[in-house]
Amino acid sequence: MPQQTGILSGIARHDQPRGEIEVVATATSVTPAAGIEGDYRGSLKPGANKRQISLIEAESWDAAIQHIGVDLPWWIRRANLLVQGLRFPREEGTIIAIGDNCRLQVTMECNPCPRMDEIAPGLLDALKPDWRGGLLARVIAGGIIAPGDKIRIEQ
């Protein structure tokens, strides 16, 4: 079976709950201890954080906003990583490789919260089917990542 690959299309972070989202050109430090440098969620509960990094498929985001008839940037979903051209297995424990060194382990589906309807009415329900709201992962091997990096499923 050929290996499926996609592209990391965007990186975003926020330094506090409900904080402003910052889209960055490169994550110069992604580590098991802190997640994406500068993102507050990454360093919560070191070693046991199931919500260290959030990822969303560009195609799932596009389907959700088309469903409600709005045009919104992906980062408003408050996800850390936007991935294009790769459908993630809907399964905990999956290993995702980004670039040469970074490895993430899927911990769970990222269920959309009621805040999504504050952004656009109907967005919450549009993100519910088939893990459309994304997935959560923890860092198992760190590195530097940037848009344009290849992303693939390792296991």
N, C-alpha and C. Protein backbone atom coordinates (compact mmCIF):
# COMPACT_ATOMS: atom_id res chain seq x y z
N MET A 1 0.85 -1.18 0.00
CA MET A 1 0.00 0.00 0.00
C MET A 1 0.89 1.25 0.00
N PRO A 2 0.69 2.18 -0.94
CA PRO A 2 1.53 3.38 -0.99
C PRO A 2 1.29 4.27 0.23
N GLN A 3 2.34 4.93 0.66
CA GLN A 3 2.23 5.81 1.81
C GLN A 3 1.52 7.10 1.40
N GLN A 4 0.54 7.47 2.17
CA GLN A 4 -0.20 8.70 1.93
C GLN A 4 0.54 9.87 2.55
N THR A 5 0.67 10.96 1.80
CA THR A 5 1.30 12.15 2.35
C THR A 5 0.45 13.36 2.05
N GLY A 6 0.59 14.34 2.89
CA GLY A 6 -0.06 15.63 2.70
C GLY A 6 0.97 16.71 2.98
N ILE A 7 0.47 17.92 3.09
CA ILE A 7 1.34 19.08 3.31
C ILE A 7 0.84 19.86 4.53
N LEU A 8 1.77 20.26 5.36
CA LEU A 8 1.44 21.17 6.46
C LEU A 8 1.23 22.55 5.83
N SER A 9 0.02 23.07 5.95
CA SER A 9 -0.33 24.33 5.28
C SER A 9 -0.32 25.54 6.20
N GLY A 10 -0.40 25.32 7.51
CA GLY A 10 -0.42 26.46 8.42
C GLY A 10 -0.15 26.07 9.85
N ILE A 11 0.36 27.03 10.61
CA ILE A 11 0.67 26.84 12.03
C ILE A 11 0.11 28.04 12.78
N ALA A 12 -0.59 27.77 13.88
CA ALA A 12 -1.14 28.85 14.70
C ALA A 12 -0.97 28.48 16.17
N ARG A 13 -0.96 29.50 17.01
CA ARG A 13 -0.83 29.28 18.45
C ARG A 13 -1.50 30.44 19.18
N HIS A 14 -1.75 30.21 20.46
CA HIS A 14 -2.25 31.29 21.33
C HIS A 14 -1.66 31.07 22.72
N ASP A 15 -1.32 32.18 23.36
CA ASP A 15 -0.54 32.09 24.60
C ASP A 15 -1.37 32.04 25.87
N GLN A 16 -2.71 32.06 25.74
CA GLN A 16 -3.57 31.96 26.91
C GLN A 16 -4.95 31.51 26.48
N PRO A 17 -5.75 30.98 27.41
CA PRO A 17 -7.11 30.58 27.05
C PRO A 17 -7.87 31.78 26.46
N ARG A 18 -8.57 31.52 25.38
CA ARG A 18 -9.33 32.56 24.66
C ARG A 18 -8.44 33.68 24.14
N GLY A 19 -7.13 33.46 24.16
CA GLY A 19 -6.18 34.46 23.68
C GLY A 19 -6.25 34.62 22.17
N GLU A 20 -5.67 35.70 21.71
CA GLU A 20 -5.62 35.98 20.28
C GLU A 20 -4.77 34.93 19.57
N ILE A 21 -5.24 34.50 18.42
CA ILE A 21 -4.52 33.50 17.63
C ILE A 21 -3.43 34.20 16.82
N GLU A 22 -2.25 33.60 16.86
CA GLU A 22 -1.11 34.11 16.08
C GLU A 22 -0.74 33.03 15.06
N VAL A 23 -0.80 33.39 13.78
CA VAL A 23 -0.36 32.49 12.72
C VAL A 23 1.13 32.73 12.54
N VAL A 24 1.92 31.65 12.55
CA VAL A 24 3.38 31.78 12.48
C VAL A 24 3.94 31.07 11.24
N ALA A 25 5.06 31.58 10.76
CA ALA A 25 5.70 31.02 9.56
C ALA A 25 6.45 29.73 9.85
N THR A 26 6.92 29.58 11.08
CA THR A 26 7.68 28.40 11.47
C THR A 26 7.47 28.16 12.96
N ALA A 27 7.38 26.89 13.34
CA ALA A 27 7.41 26.55 14.76
C ALA A 27 8.85 26.09 15.02
N THR A 28 9.65 26.98 15.57
CA THR A 28 11.08 26.69 15.74
C THR A 28 11.36 25.68 16.83
N SER A 29 10.37 25.41 17.66
CA SER A 29 10.57 24.42 18.71
C SER A 29 9.24 23.73 19.00
N VAL A 30 9.18 22.45 18.65
CA VAL A 30 8.07 21.59 19.01
C VAL A 30 8.68 20.48 19.85
N THR A 31 8.23 20.38 21.12
CA THR A 31 8.84 19.42 22.04
C THR A 31 7.79 18.64 22.82
N PRO A 32 8.17 17.45 23.32
CA PRO A 32 7.26 16.70 24.19
C PRO A 32 6.92 17.45 25.48
N ALA A 33 7.80 18.30 25.96
CA ALA A 33 7.56 19.03 27.21
C ALA A 33 6.65 20.24 27.02
N ALA A 34 6.72 20.90 25.85
CA ALA A 34 6.01 22.17 25.69
C ALA A 34 5.12 22.25 24.46
N GLY A 35 5.05 21.20 23.65
CA GLY A 35 4.25 21.29 22.43
C GLY A 35 4.86 22.32 21.49
N ILE A 36 4.01 23.14 20.89
CA ILE A 36 4.48 24.21 20.02
C ILE A 36 4.90 25.38 20.90
N GLU A 37 6.14 25.80 20.77
CA GLU A 37 6.65 26.91 21.58
C GLU A 37 5.72 28.11 21.45
N GLY A 38 5.32 28.67 22.59
CA GLY A 38 4.46 29.84 22.61
C GLY A 38 2.97 29.53 22.67
N ASP A 39 2.60 28.25 22.61
CA ASP A 39 1.18 27.89 22.71
C ASP A 39 0.92 27.39 24.12
N TYR A 40 -0.06 27.97 24.78
CA TYR A 40 -0.26 27.68 26.19
C TYR A 40 -0.66 26.23 26.45
N ARG A 41 -1.35 25.60 25.55
CA ARG A 41 -1.82 24.24 25.79
C ARG A 41 -0.69 23.21 25.83
N GLY A 42 0.38 23.49 25.11
CA GLY A 42 1.45 22.51 24.96
C GLY A 42 2.13 22.08 26.23
N SER A 43 2.25 22.98 27.21
CA SER A 43 2.99 22.65 28.42
C SER A 43 2.10 22.27 29.60
N LEU A 44 0.79 22.18 29.38
CA LEU A 44 -0.10 21.76 30.45
C LEU A 44 0.07 20.27 30.71
N LYS A 45 0.13 19.86 31.92
CA LYS A 45 0.25 18.46 32.31
C LYS A 45 1.36 17.74 31.54
N PRO A 46 2.60 18.13 31.70
CA PRO A 46 3.70 17.48 30.95
C PRO A 46 3.65 15.97 31.08
N GLY A 47 3.77 15.29 29.95
CA GLY A 47 3.75 13.83 29.91
C GLY A 47 2.38 13.20 29.88
N ALA A 48 1.34 13.96 30.20
CA ALA A 48 -0.01 13.40 30.23
C ALA A 48 -1.02 14.27 29.50
N ASN A 49 -0.54 15.19 28.70
CA ASN A 49 -1.42 16.15 28.03
C ASN A 49 -1.99 15.56 26.75
N LYS A 50 -3.29 15.26 26.75
CA LYS A 50 -3.94 14.71 25.56
C LYS A 50 -4.30 15.79 24.56
N ARG A 51 -4.22 17.05 24.95
CA ARG A 51 -4.61 18.17 24.08
C ARG A 51 -3.41 19.04 23.73
N GLN A 52 -2.24 18.48 23.62
CA GLN A 52 -1.02 19.26 23.43
C GLN A 52 -1.02 20.02 22.10
N ILE A 53 -1.43 19.37 21.01
CA ILE A 53 -1.48 20.00 19.69
C ILE A 53 -2.78 19.58 19.02
N SER A 54 -3.42 20.52 18.35
CA SER A 54 -4.63 20.21 17.59
C SER A 54 -4.35 20.37 16.10
N LEU A 55 -4.94 19.46 15.33
CA LEU A 55 -4.76 19.46 13.88
C LEU A 55 -6.12 19.43 13.21
N ILE A 56 -6.24 20.07 12.07
CA ILE A 56 -7.47 20.03 11.30
C ILE A 56 -7.12 19.85 9.83
N GLU A 57 -7.92 19.05 9.15
CA GLU A 57 -7.75 18.84 7.71
C GLU A 57 -8.35 20.03 6.98
N ALA A 58 -7.63 20.58 6.03
CA ALA A 58 -8.14 21.72 5.24
C ALA A 58 -9.45 21.35 4.57
N GLU A 59 -9.55 20.14 4.08
CA GLU A 59 -10.76 19.71 3.38
C GLU A 59 -11.96 19.63 4.32
N SER A 60 -11.73 19.21 5.57
CA SER A 60 -12.82 19.17 6.55
C SER A 60 -13.27 20.58 6.94
N TRP A 61 -12.31 21.48 7.11
CA TRP A 61 -12.64 22.87 7.41
C TRP A 61 -13.45 23.48 6.27
N ASP A 62 -13.00 23.27 5.05
CA ASP A 62 -13.72 23.82 3.89
C ASP A 62 -15.14 23.28 3.82
N ALA A 63 -15.33 21.99 4.09
CA ALA A 63 -16.67 21.39 4.06
C ALA A 63 -17.56 22.02 5.13
N ALA A 64 -17.01 22.25 6.31
CA ALA A 64 -17.80 22.83 7.41
C ALA A 64 -18.25 24.25 7.09
N ILE A 65 -17.34 25.08 6.59
CA ILE A 65 -17.75 26.47 6.33
C ILE A 65 -18.64 26.58 5.10
N GLN A 66 -18.45 25.68 4.13
CA GLN A 66 -19.37 25.66 2.99
C GLN A 66 -20.76 25.24 3.43
N HIS A 67 -20.82 24.31 4.38
CA HIS A 67 -22.10 23.81 4.90
C HIS A 67 -22.95 24.95 5.48
N ILE A 68 -22.30 25.90 6.12
CA ILE A 68 -23.07 27.00 6.71
C ILE A 68 -23.02 28.28 5.86
N GLY A 69 -22.30 28.22 4.75
CA GLY A 69 -22.31 29.34 3.81
C GLY A 69 -21.54 30.57 4.26
N VAL A 70 -20.39 30.36 4.91
CA VAL A 70 -19.56 31.48 5.33
C VAL A 70 -18.14 31.28 4.82
N ASP A 71 -17.38 32.34 4.82
CA ASP A 71 -15.96 32.25 4.45
C ASP A 71 -15.15 32.73 5.64
N LEU A 72 -14.49 31.79 6.30
CA LEU A 72 -13.72 32.09 7.51
C LEU A 72 -12.33 31.49 7.37
N PRO A 73 -11.31 32.16 7.91
CA PRO A 73 -9.97 31.58 7.88
C PRO A 73 -9.90 30.36 8.81
N TRP A 74 -9.05 29.41 8.47
CA TRP A 74 -8.94 28.16 9.23
C TRP A 74 -8.57 28.39 10.69
N TRP A 75 -7.72 29.35 10.97
CA TRP A 75 -7.22 29.53 12.33
C TRP A 75 -8.29 29.98 13.31
N ILE A 76 -9.41 30.44 12.81
CA ILE A 76 -10.49 30.85 13.72
C ILE A 76 -11.05 29.63 14.46
N ARG A 77 -10.78 28.43 13.92
CA ARG A 77 -11.16 27.18 14.58
C ARG A 77 -10.31 26.95 15.83
N ARG A 78 -9.21 27.69 15.94
CA ARG A 78 -8.30 27.63 17.08
C ARG A 78 -7.46 26.36 17.07
N ALA A 79 -7.30 25.77 15.91
CA ALA A 79 -6.43 24.60 15.77
C ALA A 79 -4.99 25.09 15.60
N ASN A 80 -4.04 24.24 15.95
CA ASN A 80 -2.63 24.59 15.80
C ASN A 80 -2.10 24.35 14.40
N LEU A 81 -2.50 23.24 13.79
CA LEU A 81 -1.93 22.86 12.50
C LEU A 81 -3.02 22.61 11.47
N LEU A 82 -2.84 23.16 10.28
CA LEU A 82 -3.72 22.92 9.14
C LEU A 82 -2.99 21.99 8.18
N VAL A 83 -3.63 20.90 7.83
CA VAL A 83 -3.03 19.88 6.96
C VAL A 83 -3.86 19.75 5.70
N GLN A 84 -3.19 19.74 4.58
CA GLN A 84 -3.89 19.65 3.30
C GLN A 84 -3.51 18.36 2.58
N GLY A 85 -4.51 17.72 1.98
CA GLY A 85 -4.26 16.57 1.13
C GLY A 85 -4.06 15.25 1.84
N LEU A 86 -4.34 15.17 3.12
CA LEU A 86 -4.18 13.93 3.88
C LEU A 86 -5.39 13.73 4.78
N ARG A 87 -6.03 12.60 4.62
CA ARG A 87 -7.15 12.26 5.52
C ARG A 87 -6.57 11.41 6.65
N PHE A 88 -6.76 11.90 7.86
CA PHE A 88 -6.26 11.19 9.04
C PHE A 88 -7.14 9.99 9.37
N PRO A 89 -6.54 8.89 9.81
CA PRO A 89 -7.35 7.80 10.35
C PRO A 89 -8.09 8.32 11.58
N ARG A 90 -9.30 7.93 11.74
CA ARG A 90 -10.10 8.35 12.90
C ARG A 90 -9.85 7.35 14.02
N GLU A 91 -8.63 7.38 14.56
CA GLU A 91 -8.23 6.35 15.49
C GLU A 91 -7.14 6.85 16.44
N GLU A 92 -7.37 6.68 17.72
CA GLU A 92 -6.38 7.04 18.72
C GLU A 92 -5.15 6.16 18.57
N GLY A 93 -3.98 6.71 18.87
CA GLY A 93 -2.73 5.97 18.81
C GLY A 93 -2.00 6.11 17.49
N THR A 94 -2.65 6.64 16.47
CA THR A 94 -2.02 6.84 15.17
C THR A 94 -0.81 7.76 15.31
N ILE A 95 0.29 7.44 14.64
CA ILE A 95 1.49 8.27 14.65
C ILE A 95 1.53 9.10 13.37
N ILE A 96 1.67 10.39 13.52
CA ILE A 96 1.75 11.34 12.41
C ILE A 96 3.15 11.92 12.39
N ALA A 97 3.79 11.85 11.24
CA ALA A 97 5.14 12.40 11.07
C ALA A 97 5.04 13.71 10.31
N ILE A 98 5.74 14.74 10.80
CA ILE A 98 5.81 16.03 10.12
C ILE A 98 7.28 16.33 9.87
N GLY A 99 7.63 16.55 8.60
CA GLY A 99 9.01 16.81 8.26
C GLY A 99 9.90 15.62 8.60
N ASP A 100 11.15 15.90 8.89
CA ASP A 100 12.12 14.83 9.15
C ASP A 100 12.04 14.25 10.56
N ASN A 101 11.71 15.07 11.56
CA ASN A 101 11.88 14.64 12.95
C ASN A 101 10.63 14.62 13.81
N CYS A 102 9.70 15.50 13.57
CA CYS A 102 8.57 15.68 14.47
C CYS A 102 7.58 14.50 14.33
N ARG A 103 7.18 13.94 15.48
CA ARG A 103 6.22 12.85 15.51
C ARG A 103 5.16 13.18 16.56
N LEU A 104 3.90 13.00 16.16
CA LEU A 104 2.76 13.23 17.04
C LEU A 104 1.98 11.93 17.17
N GLN A 105 1.39 11.72 18.33
CA GLN A 105 0.52 10.57 18.53
C GLN A 105 -0.90 11.07 18.79
N VAL A 106 -1.84 10.61 17.97
CA VAL A 106 -3.24 11.01 18.11
C VAL A 106 -3.78 10.49 19.43
N THR A 107 -4.41 11.38 20.20
CA THR A 107 -4.98 10.98 21.48
C THR A 107 -6.51 10.92 21.45
N MET A 108 -7.14 11.76 20.61
CA MET A 108 -8.60 11.77 20.57
C MET A 108 -9.10 12.73 19.49
N GLU A 109 -10.39 12.65 19.24
CA GLU A 109 -11.06 13.61 18.37
C GLU A 109 -11.10 14.95 19.08
N CYS A 110 -11.00 16.03 18.32
CA CYS A 110 -11.14 17.37 18.88
C CYS A 110 -12.59 17.81 18.69
N ASN A 111 -13.38 17.56 19.70
CA ASN A 111 -14.79 17.91 19.62
C ASN A 111 -14.94 19.43 19.65
N PRO A 112 -15.72 19.97 18.72
CA PRO A 112 -15.91 21.42 18.72
C PRO A 112 -16.70 21.87 19.94
N CYS A 113 -16.35 23.04 20.44
CA CYS A 113 -17.01 23.57 21.63
C CYS A 113 -18.06 24.62 21.23
N PRO A 114 -18.94 24.98 22.17
CA PRO A 114 -19.97 25.97 21.87
C PRO A 114 -19.43 27.31 21.40
N ARG A 115 -18.16 27.58 21.66
CA ARG A 115 -17.57 28.84 21.19
C ARG A 115 -17.65 28.96 19.67
N MET A 116 -17.69 27.83 18.97
CA MET A 116 -17.77 27.86 17.51
C MET A 116 -19.01 28.59 17.02
N ASP A 117 -20.12 28.45 17.76
CA ASP A 117 -21.34 29.17 17.37
C ASP A 117 -21.25 30.66 17.69
N GLU A 118 -20.34 31.06 18.58
CA GLU A 118 -20.07 32.49 18.80
C GLU A 118 -19.38 33.08 17.57
N ILE A 119 -18.58 32.25 16.89
CA ILE A 119 -17.86 32.68 15.70
C ILE A 119 -18.81 32.80 14.52
N ALA A 120 -19.62 31.76 14.32
CA ALA A 120 -20.60 31.75 13.23
C ALA A 120 -21.72 30.79 13.61
N PRO A 121 -22.97 31.25 13.63
CA PRO A 121 -24.08 30.34 13.96
C PRO A 121 -24.08 29.12 13.04
N GLY A 122 -24.19 27.94 13.66
CA GLY A 122 -24.22 26.70 12.91
C GLY A 122 -22.86 26.04 12.76
N LEU A 123 -21.78 26.75 13.09
CA LEU A 123 -20.44 26.19 12.92
C LEU A 123 -20.21 24.98 13.83
N LEU A 124 -20.73 25.02 15.03
CA LEU A 124 -20.58 23.89 15.95
C LEU A 124 -21.10 22.61 15.32
N ASP A 125 -22.33 22.62 14.84
CA ASP A 125 -22.90 21.41 14.24
C ASP A 125 -22.21 21.03 12.94
N ALA A 126 -21.73 22.01 12.19
CA ALA A 126 -21.04 21.72 10.93
C ALA A 126 -19.70 21.02 11.16
N LEU A 127 -19.12 21.19 12.35
CA LEU A 127 -17.83 20.57 12.67
C LEU A 127 -17.96 19.21 13.35
N LYS A 128 -19.17 18.80 13.71
CA LYS A 128 -19.35 17.56 14.48
C LYS A 128 -19.15 16.27 13.69
N PRO A 129 -19.64 16.15 12.46
CA PRO A 129 -19.55 14.82 11.82
C PRO A 129 -18.12 14.41 11.46
N ASP A 130 -17.83 13.12 11.58
CA ASP A 130 -16.62 12.50 11.05
C ASP A 130 -15.33 13.21 11.41
N TRP A 131 -15.17 13.61 12.65
CA TRP A 131 -13.95 14.26 13.15
C TRP A 131 -13.64 15.53 12.37
N ARG A 132 -14.64 16.16 11.81
CA ARG A 132 -14.43 17.37 11.01
C ARG A 132 -13.81 18.50 11.82
N GLY A 133 -14.01 18.50 13.13
CA GLY A 133 -13.41 19.51 14.00
C GLY A 133 -11.93 19.29 14.25
N GLY A 134 -11.40 18.17 13.79
CA GLY A 134 -9.98 17.91 13.91
C GLY A 134 -9.66 16.82 14.92
N LEU A 135 -8.39 16.75 15.25
CA LEU A 135 -7.94 15.75 16.20
C LEU A 135 -6.90 16.36 17.13
N LEU A 136 -6.70 15.69 18.24
CA LEU A 136 -5.73 16.13 19.24
C LEU A 136 -4.60 15.13 19.31
N ALA A 137 -3.42 15.64 19.62
CA ALA A 137 -2.24 14.78 19.68
C ALA A 137 -1.26 15.28 20.72
N ARG A 138 -0.35 14.38 21.09
CA ARG A 138 0.76 14.76 21.95
C ARG A 138 2.05 14.56 21.16
N VAL A 139 3.07 15.33 21.49
CA VAL A 139 4.35 15.25 20.82
C VAL A 139 5.15 14.09 21.40
N ILE A 140 5.61 13.19 20.53
CA ILE A 140 6.46 12.10 21.01
C ILE A 140 7.89 12.26 20.53
N ALA A 141 8.10 13.09 19.50
CA ALA A 141 9.46 13.44 19.06
C ALA A 141 9.38 14.85 18.50
N GLY A 142 10.24 15.72 18.98
CA GLY A 142 10.19 17.13 18.60
C GLY A 142 10.94 17.46 17.34
N GLY A 143 10.90 18.74 17.01
CA GLY A 143 11.62 19.22 15.84
C GLY A 143 11.18 20.63 15.48
N ILE A 144 11.56 21.05 14.30
CA ILE A 144 11.17 22.33 13.73
C ILE A 144 10.22 22.01 12.59
N ILE A 145 9.07 22.71 12.53
CA ILE A 145 8.13 22.48 11.45
C ILE A 145 7.75 23.80 10.80
N ALA A 146 7.38 23.73 9.52
CA ALA A 146 7.00 24.93 8.78
C ALA A 146 6.01 24.54 7.69
N PRO A 147 5.15 25.48 7.30
CA PRO A 147 4.28 25.21 6.17
C PRO A 147 5.10 24.76 4.96
N GLY A 148 4.57 23.77 4.28
CA GLY A 148 5.28 23.17 3.15
C GLY A 148 5.90 21.84 3.52
N ASP A 149 6.08 21.58 4.82
CA ASP A 149 6.61 20.29 5.25
C ASP A 149 5.64 19.17 4.87
N LYS A 150 6.21 18.03 4.50
CA LYS A 150 5.37 16.85 4.24
C LYS A 150 4.89 16.29 5.57
N ILE A 151 3.68 15.78 5.53
CA ILE A 151 3.08 15.16 6.70
C ILE A 151 2.51 13.81 6.26
N ARG A 152 2.75 12.79 7.09
CA ARG A 152 2.31 11.45 6.69
C ARG A 152 1.91 10.62 7.92
N ILE A 153 1.19 9.56 7.65
CA ILE A 153 0.81 8.63 8.69
C ILE A 153 1.90 7.56 8.75
N GLU A 154 2.45 7.33 9.94
CA GLU A 154 3.49 6.30 10.08
C GLU A 154 2.93 4.99 10.56
N GLN A 155 1.93 5.01 11.41
CA GLN A 155 1.30 3.77 11.87
C GLN A 155 -0.04 4.08 12.48
